[in-house]
Amino acid sequence: MIRGREAPFSGFRGFTILWAGQFISLAASAVSSFALGVYCYLETDSVTTLAVLYALPFVPFLIVSPFAGALVDRWGSKRALLISNGGCMLVALGMAVLLVTDTFAIWQVYFVVVLMSALRALDLPAFEAALPLMVPQRDVGRATGMRLLAVATGSVLGPVLAGILLLAVGIQGIVVGDCLSFLFALAGLALVRIPRLPLAETATGHAALSVRQDAVAGWRHLTARPGLLSLTALLGVMSFGIGFGELVLPPLVLAFSTPDGLGVVLTLGALGMVVVSGAISVWAWPRRERRIGGLLAALFLFAFALALASLRPNLAVLAVATFLFMGCATIVTGIAQTIWQSKVEPHMLGRTVALRNAIALAPQLVGNLLAGLLCVHVAVPLVGEDEVRSETVALLVGDGPGRGYALALTVLGVLTALAVAWIGRSPRLRRIDEELPDVIAADWAAVSHRLLHESETEDQN
């Protein structure tokens, strides 16, 4: 039977309450994470420390994700979200105590980052699996846009508020605020009813299965659906582009502009995420029959934005390119999540979402690593550090310092477009709506409605 049947809110209203609590928590965590990186850099004056803090979250997330997804399907989204948010609050509280008592050491932040990343690996599939259980199929796109809006807003607020709050309340106050923000997320969870299938009603679930076997079952479920695998591959291509681009962009801008100019470019990129996710949450576009076409078009525009950023050392051009880059990435993510939530059976959603996240995120880490190596040791020496040696290359990416980074982005844009064109030719991807019927519109809608009705009847009795 449904856990927490005393919770009064369900459906889209319940989802909105859940989202509001998560919104506050995500925004506070984004500010805390950015401020923590700045604080550690100021304390150590070490770029290596900063790089480790940025790269470290990938490792536990990739390792834990397959098992976290299995736990989401086994426990249900509500319990998984309670454990994730409660665990994050405890970790933040422990760090706050260390800071307030002046016993905090820089090495301790590595443990905090690892624990937070592992708990986020549980949070992401749990929230995504809860979404189609709470809202009607017609509202899945809007709800996905709302989730993306929360993430995008955090990306904007993080850099903006972190610097202000570091001066106003210090790192101690920021971490305490992050800790308190999880109370809003937990309060939202306490107020909403998230349906879950009893174990007996799932297609594969039974007590004898181990978490590892559950994770393997999720992998088999995914590989048996080539259309979803092709979709995951496209997300991986985009993820690599993001990882490569986010490392190349700062030196590319700073080669001819100031840190303030870089701040403008990054802010406009984050605003691209906010504008697009806000549009999705209002209009829930594109329509079902245009989703794959819209996704491929957004990916080609994503590749174009990479090439556009490399054309000339011009701040306005880079700002427009970054806005398009992040806006298109948000469109692709929103469409992919909507397709996933409508095509995967509810009892497998947590596992397959976690696997998709891990598979799609790994290329971002690879992109981070390769960007530094290829640019420093290949692109910049080949093009020239202070001026472009080749007239042909200068005609392509302009002249001046740092144009080796620009050439790397040009090549990346072309390769991204070629990869999207190659994967996009897959007939299984293009026919995904024909080969995989919408499970929300079929069996799950009836089961979810029945479970909610049974719970409401018990409440009345």
Protein backbone atom coordinates (compact mmCIF):
# COMPACT_ATOMS: atom_id res chain seq x y z
CA MET A 1 0.00 0.00 0.00
CA ILE A 2 1.09 3.62 -0.39
CA ARG A 3 3.45 4.87 2.24
CA GLY A 4 2.65 8.15 3.94
CA ARG A 5 -1.09 8.08 3.09
CA GLU A 6 -1.70 10.82 5.62
CA ALA A 7 -0.09 13.33 3.27
CA PRO A 8 -2.91 15.57 2.00
CA PHE A 9 -1.63 16.68 -1.42
CA SER A 10 -1.29 14.66 -4.61
CA GLY A 11 -1.41 15.15 -8.38
CA PHE A 12 0.03 18.27 -9.99
CA ARG A 13 -0.67 20.37 -6.89
CA GLY A 14 1.31 17.89 -4.82
CA PHE A 15 4.12 17.95 -7.37
CA THR A 16 4.22 21.75 -7.23
CA ILE A 17 4.62 21.63 -3.43
CA LEU A 18 7.36 19.01 -3.75
CA TRP A 19 9.07 21.09 -6.45
CA ALA A 20 8.94 24.27 -4.35
CA GLY A 21 10.79 22.60 -1.48
CA GLN A 22 13.36 21.12 -3.84
CA PHE A 23 13.73 24.50 -5.59
CA ILE A 24 14.78 26.21 -2.37
CA SER A 25 17.15 23.38 -1.49
CA LEU A 26 18.75 23.28 -4.95
CA ALA A 27 19.27 27.05 -5.00
CA ALA A 28 20.87 27.08 -1.54
CA SER A 29 23.09 24.11 -2.41
CA ALA A 30 24.24 25.81 -5.63
CA VAL A 31 25.25 28.90 -3.66
CA SER A 32 26.97 26.79 -1.01
CA SER A 33 28.85 24.67 -3.54
CA PHE A 34 30.17 27.68 -5.46
CA ALA A 35 31.08 29.54 -2.26
CA LEU A 36 32.88 26.49 -0.89
CA GLY A 37 35.03 26.27 -4.02
CA VAL A 38 35.92 29.96 -3.76
CA TYR A 39 36.65 29.64 -0.03
CA CYS A 40 38.94 26.65 -0.51
CA TYR A 41 40.79 28.40 -3.34
CA LEU A 42 41.31 31.53 -1.23
CA GLU A 43 42.54 29.42 1.70
CA THR A 44 44.99 27.32 -0.34
CA ASP A 45 45.74 29.55 -3.37
CA SER A 46 45.80 26.27 -5.31
CA VAL A 47 44.19 25.77 -8.70
CA THR A 48 44.76 22.03 -8.22
CA THR A 49 42.53 22.04 -5.14
CA LEU A 50 39.82 23.83 -7.10
CA ALA A 51 40.13 21.38 -10.01
CA VAL A 52 39.83 18.40 -7.64
CA LEU A 53 36.71 19.90 -6.06
CA TYR A 54 35.12 20.26 -9.51
CA ALA A 55 36.11 16.79 -10.74
CA LEU A 56 35.66 14.77 -7.53
CA PRO A 57 31.81 14.67 -7.53
CA PHE A 58 31.83 12.73 -10.80
CA VAL A 59 33.53 9.67 -9.29
CA PRO A 60 31.07 8.67 -6.51
CA PHE A 61 28.13 9.69 -8.71
CA LEU A 62 29.20 7.34 -11.50
CA ILE A 63 29.95 4.48 -9.09
CA VAL A 64 26.82 4.79 -6.96
CA SER A 65 24.24 5.63 -9.67
CA PRO A 66 23.38 2.07 -10.88
CA PHE A 67 22.79 0.88 -7.32
CA ALA A 68 21.02 4.10 -6.30
CA GLY A 69 18.54 3.61 -9.13
CA ALA A 70 17.85 0.06 -7.96
CA LEU A 71 17.18 1.37 -4.44
CA VAL A 72 14.76 3.99 -5.80
CA ASP A 73 12.71 1.27 -7.52
CA ARG A 74 12.87 -0.89 -4.40
CA TRP A 75 12.08 1.78 -1.81
CA GLY A 76 9.85 4.10 -3.83
CA SER A 77 10.60 7.72 -4.71
CA LYS A 78 9.37 9.24 -1.47
CA ARG A 79 11.57 7.16 0.81
CA ALA A 80 14.58 7.66 -1.48
CA LEU A 81 14.05 11.43 -1.48
CA LEU A 82 13.68 11.48 2.30
CA ILE A 83 16.97 9.59 2.73
CA SER A 84 18.77 11.74 0.16
CA ASN A 85 17.61 15.11 1.48
CA GLY A 86 17.92 14.05 5.11
CA GLY A 87 21.42 12.72 4.49
CA CYS A 88 22.48 15.92 2.72
CA MET A 89 21.12 17.97 5.63
CA LEU A 90 23.17 15.92 8.12
CA VAL A 91 26.33 16.29 6.03
CA ALA A 92 25.78 20.06 5.76
CA LEU A 93 25.09 20.22 9.50
CA GLY A 94 28.33 18.39 10.28
CA MET A 95 30.29 20.81 8.11
CA ALA A 96 28.53 23.78 9.67
CA VAL A 97 29.55 22.56 13.14
CA LEU A 98 33.18 22.22 12.02
CA LEU A 99 33.17 25.75 10.57
CA VAL A 100 31.44 27.39 13.51
CA THR A 101 33.76 25.69 16.03
CA ASP A 102 36.80 26.60 13.90
CA THR A 103 37.86 22.96 13.56
CA PHE A 104 37.35 22.75 9.80
CA ALA A 105 40.30 21.70 7.64
CA ILE A 106 40.46 21.81 3.84
CA TRP A 107 40.96 18.04 3.54
CA GLN A 108 37.56 17.50 5.17
CA VAL A 109 35.79 19.11 2.25
CA TYR A 110 36.71 16.14 0.05
CA PHE A 111 34.64 13.83 2.26
CA VAL A 112 31.76 16.30 2.19
CA VAL A 113 31.85 16.43 -1.62
CA VAL A 114 31.95 12.62 -1.92
CA LEU A 115 29.03 12.11 0.47
CA MET A 116 26.92 14.84 -1.15
CA SER A 117 27.59 13.41 -4.60
CA ALA A 118 26.59 9.89 -3.53
CA LEU A 119 23.36 11.20 -2.00
CA ARG A 120 22.61 13.23 -5.14
CA ALA A 121 22.97 10.02 -7.14
CA LEU A 122 19.94 8.82 -5.17
CA ASP A 123 18.06 12.12 -5.37
CA LEU A 124 18.09 12.61 -9.15
CA PRO A 125 16.48 9.31 -10.23
CA ALA A 126 14.08 9.45 -7.28
CA PHE A 127 12.71 12.85 -8.30
CA GLU A 128 12.54 11.93 -11.98
CA ALA A 129 10.78 8.66 -11.17
CA ALA A 130 8.29 10.49 -8.93
CA LEU A 131 7.32 13.01 -11.59
CA PRO A 132 5.24 10.74 -13.88
CA LEU A 133 3.63 9.11 -10.85
CA MET A 134 2.24 12.42 -9.64
CA VAL A 135 1.18 14.33 -12.75
CA PRO A 136 -1.01 13.45 -15.74
CA GLN A 137 0.73 12.65 -19.01
CA ARG A 138 -0.28 16.00 -20.51
CA ASP A 139 1.62 17.81 -17.73
CA VAL A 140 4.83 15.74 -17.75
CA GLY A 141 6.55 18.21 -20.08
CA ARG A 142 5.58 21.19 -17.92
CA ALA A 143 6.72 19.43 -14.75
CA THR A 144 10.05 18.54 -16.40
CA GLY A 145 10.49 22.20 -17.33
CA MET A 146 9.85 23.21 -13.73
CA ARG A 147 12.57 20.84 -12.54
CA LEU A 148 15.02 22.20 -15.11
CA LEU A 149 14.05 25.75 -14.09
CA ALA A 150 15.04 24.98 -10.49
CA VAL A 151 18.45 23.69 -11.62
CA ALA A 152 18.97 26.64 -13.98
CA THR A 153 18.04 29.20 -11.33
CA GLY A 154 20.59 27.63 -9.00
CA SER A 155 23.22 28.01 -11.74
CA VAL A 156 22.43 31.72 -11.96
CA LEU A 157 22.18 32.38 -8.23
CA GLY A 158 25.26 30.35 -7.27
CA PRO A 159 27.97 32.68 -8.64
CA VAL A 160 25.92 35.85 -8.04
CA LEU A 161 24.97 35.28 -4.41
CA ALA A 162 28.06 33.35 -3.31
CA GLY A 163 30.37 36.35 -3.52
CA ILE A 164 27.88 38.66 -1.80
CA LEU A 165 27.13 36.22 1.00
CA LEU A 166 30.79 35.36 1.59
CA LEU A 167 31.33 39.01 2.49
CA ALA A 168 28.05 39.35 4.42
CA VAL A 169 27.80 36.15 6.50
CA GLY A 170 30.96 34.21 5.67
CA ILE A 171 31.24 30.58 4.63
CA GLN A 172 29.78 29.55 8.02
CA GLY A 173 26.53 31.41 7.40
CA ILE A 174 26.24 30.04 3.85
CA VAL A 175 26.64 26.43 4.96
CA VAL A 176 24.17 26.91 7.83
CA GLY A 177 21.70 28.37 5.33
CA ASP A 178 22.22 25.36 3.05
CA CYS A 179 21.55 23.04 5.98
CA LEU A 180 18.31 24.86 6.84
CA SER A 181 17.17 24.80 3.19
CA PHE A 182 16.80 21.02 3.34
CA LEU A 183 14.04 21.54 5.90
CA PHE A 184 11.93 23.03 3.11
CA ALA A 185 12.60 19.99 0.91
CA LEU A 186 11.68 17.62 3.76
CA ALA A 187 8.56 19.65 4.58
CA GLY A 188 7.44 19.41 0.96
CA LEU A 189 7.95 15.64 1.04
CA ALA A 190 5.90 15.38 4.23
CA LEU A 191 2.97 17.18 2.59
CA VAL A 192 2.72 15.20 -0.65
CA ARG A 193 1.54 11.75 -1.59
CA ILE A 194 3.70 9.90 -4.12
CA PRO A 195 2.14 6.65 -5.35
CA ARG A 196 4.27 3.52 -5.50
CA LEU A 197 3.62 0.06 -6.79
CA PRO A 198 3.44 -2.69 -4.18
CA LEU A 199 6.33 -5.11 -4.76
CA ALA A 200 3.94 -7.81 -5.88
CA GLU A 201 2.64 -5.64 -8.74
CA THR A 202 6.03 -4.97 -10.35
CA ALA A 203 7.11 -7.03 -13.28
CA THR A 204 10.46 -8.11 -11.85
CA GLY A 205 10.38 -7.16 -8.21
CA HIS A 206 10.59 -9.73 -5.47
CA ALA A 207 12.41 -9.83 -2.17
CA ALA A 208 14.93 -12.45 -3.33
CA LEU A 209 16.56 -10.06 -5.81
CA SER A 210 19.67 -8.29 -4.54
CA VAL A 211 20.38 -4.63 -5.27
CA ARG A 212 23.09 -5.74 -7.70
CA GLN A 213 20.64 -8.02 -9.51
CA ASP A 214 18.16 -5.15 -9.65
CA ALA A 215 20.83 -2.94 -11.24
CA VAL A 216 21.66 -5.64 -13.81
CA ALA A 217 17.94 -5.98 -14.60
CA GLY A 218 17.83 -2.24 -15.25
CA TRP A 219 20.75 -2.52 -17.67
CA ARG A 220 19.08 -5.38 -19.54
CA HIS A 221 15.86 -3.40 -19.71
CA LEU A 222 17.73 -0.48 -21.26
CA THR A 223 19.75 -2.51 -23.77
CA ALA A 224 16.57 -4.22 -24.97
CA ARG A 225 15.32 -0.82 -26.17
CA PRO A 226 17.70 0.43 -28.89
CA GLY A 227 15.80 3.69 -29.29
CA LEU A 228 16.54 4.64 -25.68
CA LEU A 229 20.17 3.57 -26.10
CA SER A 230 20.51 5.89 -29.10
CA LEU A 231 18.93 8.67 -27.05
CA THR A 232 21.46 8.03 -24.28
CA ALA A 233 24.28 8.17 -26.82
CA LEU A 234 23.09 11.58 -27.99
CA LEU A 235 23.07 12.78 -24.38
CA GLY A 236 26.63 11.48 -24.06
CA VAL A 237 27.71 13.48 -27.13
CA MET A 238 26.18 16.62 -25.65
CA SER A 239 27.73 15.88 -22.27
CA PHE A 240 31.20 15.62 -23.83
CA GLY A 241 30.65 18.96 -25.55
CA ILE A 242 29.63 20.56 -22.26
CA GLY A 243 32.64 19.13 -20.42
CA PHE A 244 35.06 20.25 -23.12
CA GLY A 245 33.44 23.64 -23.63
CA GLU A 246 33.16 24.63 -19.97
CA LEU A 247 36.92 24.11 -19.52
CA VAL A 248 37.92 25.93 -22.72
CA LEU A 249 35.60 28.93 -22.31
CA PRO A 250 37.37 30.72 -19.39
CA PRO A 251 40.86 30.84 -20.98
CA LEU A 252 39.28 31.69 -24.35
CA VAL A 253 37.52 34.75 -22.89
CA LEU A 254 40.32 35.81 -20.54
CA ALA A 255 42.80 35.79 -23.43
CA PHE A 256 41.24 39.05 -24.72
CA SER A 257 38.87 40.23 -21.96
CA THR A 258 38.64 40.68 -18.18
CA PRO A 259 37.15 38.50 -15.41
CA ASP A 260 34.10 40.80 -15.53
CA GLY A 261 33.69 39.92 -19.20
CA LEU A 262 33.88 36.24 -18.36
CA GLY A 263 31.23 36.78 -15.70
CA VAL A 264 28.90 38.35 -18.26
CA VAL A 265 29.37 35.44 -20.67
CA LEU A 266 28.76 32.81 -17.96
CA THR A 267 25.73 34.68 -16.64
CA LEU A 268 24.15 34.82 -20.10
CA GLY A 269 24.77 31.11 -20.49
CA ALA A 270 22.93 30.44 -17.26
CA LEU A 271 20.13 32.79 -18.36
CA GLY A 272 19.79 30.67 -21.50
CA MET A 273 18.98 27.73 -19.25
CA VAL A 274 16.49 29.78 -17.23
CA VAL A 275 14.66 31.19 -20.27
CA VAL A 276 14.34 27.83 -22.02
CA SER A 277 13.35 25.85 -18.93
CA GLY A 278 10.80 28.53 -18.08
CA ALA A 279 9.35 28.25 -21.58
CA ILE A 280 9.13 24.46 -21.29
CA SER A 281 7.37 24.71 -17.93
CA VAL A 282 4.75 27.05 -19.42
CA TRP A 283 4.18 25.57 -22.88
CA ALA A 284 5.46 21.97 -22.52
CA TRP A 285 6.77 21.96 -26.09
CA PRO A 286 7.49 20.37 -28.49
CA ARG A 287 4.53 18.15 -29.27
CA ARG A 288 4.84 14.39 -28.98
CA GLU A 289 5.22 13.78 -32.72
CA ARG A 290 7.94 16.44 -33.00
CA ARG A 291 10.07 15.46 -30.00
CA ILE A 292 12.84 13.58 -31.82
CA GLY A 293 13.01 16.17 -34.59
CA GLY A 294 13.16 18.96 -31.99
CA LEU A 295 15.85 17.17 -30.03
CA LEU A 296 18.06 16.66 -33.11
CA ALA A 297 17.54 20.27 -34.23
CA ALA A 298 18.55 21.51 -30.77
CA LEU A 299 21.69 19.35 -30.87
CA PHE A 300 22.70 20.72 -34.28
CA LEU A 301 22.19 24.25 -32.94
CA PHE A 302 24.26 23.23 -29.89
CA ALA A 303 27.10 22.22 -32.25
CA PHE A 304 26.71 25.49 -34.17
CA ALA A 305 27.00 27.45 -30.91
CA LEU A 306 30.35 25.76 -30.21
CA ALA A 307 31.65 26.84 -33.61
CA LEU A 308 30.13 30.33 -33.25
CA ALA A 309 32.02 30.88 -29.98
CA SER A 310 35.29 30.35 -31.85
CA LEU A 311 34.75 32.75 -34.78
CA ARG A 312 36.27 35.94 -33.38
CA PRO A 313 37.64 37.28 -30.06
CA ASN A 314 34.46 39.26 -29.48
CA LEU A 315 32.58 39.33 -26.18
CA ALA A 316 29.14 39.85 -27.77
CA VAL A 317 29.61 36.87 -30.11
CA LEU A 318 30.71 34.68 -27.21
CA ALA A 319 27.78 35.80 -25.07
CA VAL A 320 25.27 34.91 -27.80
CA ALA A 321 27.01 31.59 -28.43
CA THR A 322 26.98 30.68 -24.74
CA PHE A 323 23.29 31.60 -24.43
CA LEU A 324 22.49 29.30 -27.38
CA PHE A 325 24.82 26.60 -26.06
CA MET A 326 23.17 26.31 -22.66
CA GLY A 327 19.66 26.96 -23.96
CA CYS A 328 19.94 24.13 -26.49
CA ALA A 329 21.40 21.81 -23.86
CA THR A 330 18.33 22.51 -21.70
CA ILE A 331 15.98 21.75 -24.60
CA VAL A 332 17.72 18.42 -25.26
CA THR A 333 17.64 17.48 -21.58
CA GLY A 334 13.96 18.38 -21.23
CA ILE A 335 12.87 16.44 -24.31
CA ALA A 336 14.99 13.41 -23.36
CA GLN A 337 13.57 13.30 -19.84
CA THR A 338 10.00 13.60 -21.13
CA ILE A 339 10.53 10.74 -23.58
CA TRP A 340 12.13 8.61 -20.87
CA GLN A 341 9.34 9.17 -18.39
CA SER A 342 6.72 8.23 -20.95
CA LYS A 343 8.45 5.16 -22.40
CA VAL A 344 9.89 3.32 -19.38
CA GLU A 345 7.70 1.19 -17.13
CA PRO A 346 7.34 2.74 -13.66
CA HIS A 347 8.94 -0.16 -11.78
CA MET A 348 12.12 0.25 -13.93
CA LEU A 349 12.26 4.03 -14.07
CA GLY A 350 14.64 4.61 -11.17
CA ARG A 351 17.18 2.08 -12.44
CA THR A 352 17.14 3.15 -16.06
CA VAL A 353 17.23 6.86 -15.22
CA ALA A 354 20.25 6.32 -12.95
CA LEU A 355 22.02 4.30 -15.66
CA ARG A 356 21.21 6.93 -18.26
CA ASN A 357 22.57 9.67 -16.00
CA ALA A 358 25.80 7.76 -15.36
CA ILE A 359 26.34 6.85 -19.02
CA ALA A 360 25.56 10.36 -20.21
CA LEU A 361 27.62 12.09 -17.51
CA ALA A 362 30.83 10.08 -17.92
CA PRO A 363 31.72 11.81 -21.23
CA GLN A 364 31.55 15.17 -19.44
CA LEU A 365 34.40 14.09 -17.16
CA VAL A 366 36.31 12.82 -20.20
CA GLY A 367 35.69 16.16 -21.92
CA ASN A 368 37.07 18.03 -18.90
CA LEU A 369 40.24 15.93 -18.91
CA LEU A 370 40.82 15.98 -22.68
CA ALA A 371 40.17 19.71 -23.04
CA GLY A 372 43.10 20.66 -20.86
CA LEU A 373 45.48 18.14 -22.40
CA LEU A 374 44.59 18.81 -26.05
CA CYS A 375 44.47 22.58 -25.76
CA VAL A 376 47.67 23.05 -23.74
CA HIS A 377 49.78 20.45 -25.53
CA VAL A 378 48.32 20.45 -29.06
CA ALA A 379 46.00 23.30 -30.09
CA VAL A 380 47.75 26.31 -28.51
CA PRO A 381 51.31 25.28 -29.56
CA LEU A 382 50.02 24.49 -33.08
CA VAL A 383 48.18 27.79 -33.58
CA GLY A 384 50.43 30.08 -31.55
CA GLU A 385 50.11 31.42 -28.03
CA ASP A 386 50.09 35.19 -28.65
CA GLU A 387 49.30 35.38 -32.36
CA VAL A 388 48.09 33.01 -35.05
CA ARG A 389 50.88 31.74 -37.29
CA SER A 390 48.69 30.54 -40.16
CA GLU A 391 46.68 32.96 -42.32
CA THR A 392 44.15 30.21 -43.02
CA VAL A 393 43.57 29.59 -39.31
CA ALA A 394 43.37 33.36 -38.66
CA LEU A 395 40.71 33.64 -41.35
CA LEU A 396 38.75 30.87 -39.60
CA VAL A 397 39.02 31.88 -35.91
CA GLY A 398 40.53 35.37 -35.93
CA ASP A 399 43.92 36.56 -34.72
CA GLY A 400 45.31 37.29 -31.27
CA PRO A 401 46.18 35.41 -28.09
CA GLY A 402 44.38 32.23 -27.09
CA ARG A 403 43.05 31.38 -30.54
CA GLY A 404 44.26 27.81 -30.12
CA TYR A 405 41.32 27.38 -27.73
CA ALA A 406 39.04 28.79 -30.43
CA LEU A 407 40.31 26.28 -33.00
CA ALA A 408 39.66 23.46 -30.52
CA LEU A 409 36.04 24.65 -30.19
CA THR A 410 35.65 24.79 -33.98
CA VAL A 411 36.82 21.19 -34.31
CA LEU A 412 34.58 20.17 -31.42
CA GLY A 413 31.54 21.82 -33.06
CA VAL A 414 32.15 19.98 -36.35
CA LEU A 415 32.70 16.62 -34.62
CA THR A 416 29.59 17.12 -32.50
CA ALA A 417 27.45 17.80 -35.58
CA LEU A 418 28.86 14.71 -37.33
CA ALA A 419 28.20 12.52 -34.27
CA VAL A 420 24.63 13.80 -33.96
CA ALA A 421 24.01 13.21 -37.68
CA TRP A 422 25.37 9.66 -37.44
CA ILE A 423 23.41 8.67 -34.31
CA GLY A 424 20.33 10.54 -35.53
CA ARG A 425 20.14 8.27 -38.57
CA SER A 426 19.11 5.37 -36.31
CA PRO A 427 15.66 4.18 -37.40
CA ARG A 428 15.03 2.87 -33.87
CA LEU A 429 15.49 6.40 -32.53
CA ARG A 430 13.25 7.99 -35.15
CA ARG A 431 10.55 5.33 -34.63
CA ILE A 432 10.78 5.35 -30.84
CA ASP A 433 7.15 6.48 -30.46
CA GLU A 434 5.96 3.64 -32.71
CA GLU A 435 8.09 0.90 -31.15
CA LEU A 436 7.68 1.96 -27.52
CA PRO A 437 4.13 2.94 -26.54
CA ASP A 438 3.59 5.49 -23.79
CA VAL A 439 3.37 3.44 -20.61
CA ILE A 440 1.92 6.39 -18.69
CA ALA A 441 -1.06 6.52 -21.01
CA ALA A 442 -1.56 2.77 -20.73
CA ASP A 443 -1.15 0.64 -17.62
CA TRP A 444 0.45 3.01 -15.13
CA ALA A 445 -2.22 5.69 -15.25
CA ALA A 446 -4.82 3.14 -14.14
CA VAL A 447 -2.61 1.61 -11.45
CA SER A 448 -1.57 5.00 -10.04
CA HIS A 449 -5.18 6.19 -9.95
CA ARG A 450 -6.29 2.99 -8.22
CA LEU A 451 -3.59 3.23 -5.55
CA LEU A 452 -4.44 6.85 -4.80
CA HIS A 453 -8.15 6.01 -4.65
CA GLU A 454 -7.50 3.13 -2.21
CA SER A 455 -5.41 5.41 -0.02
CA GLU A 456 -8.05 8.15 0.02
CA THR A 457 -10.73 5.59 0.87
CA GLU A 458 -8.70 4.32 3.83
CA ASP A 459 -8.17 7.92 5.01
CA GLN A 460 -11.93 8.49 4.99
CA ASN A 461 -12.57 5.26 6.89
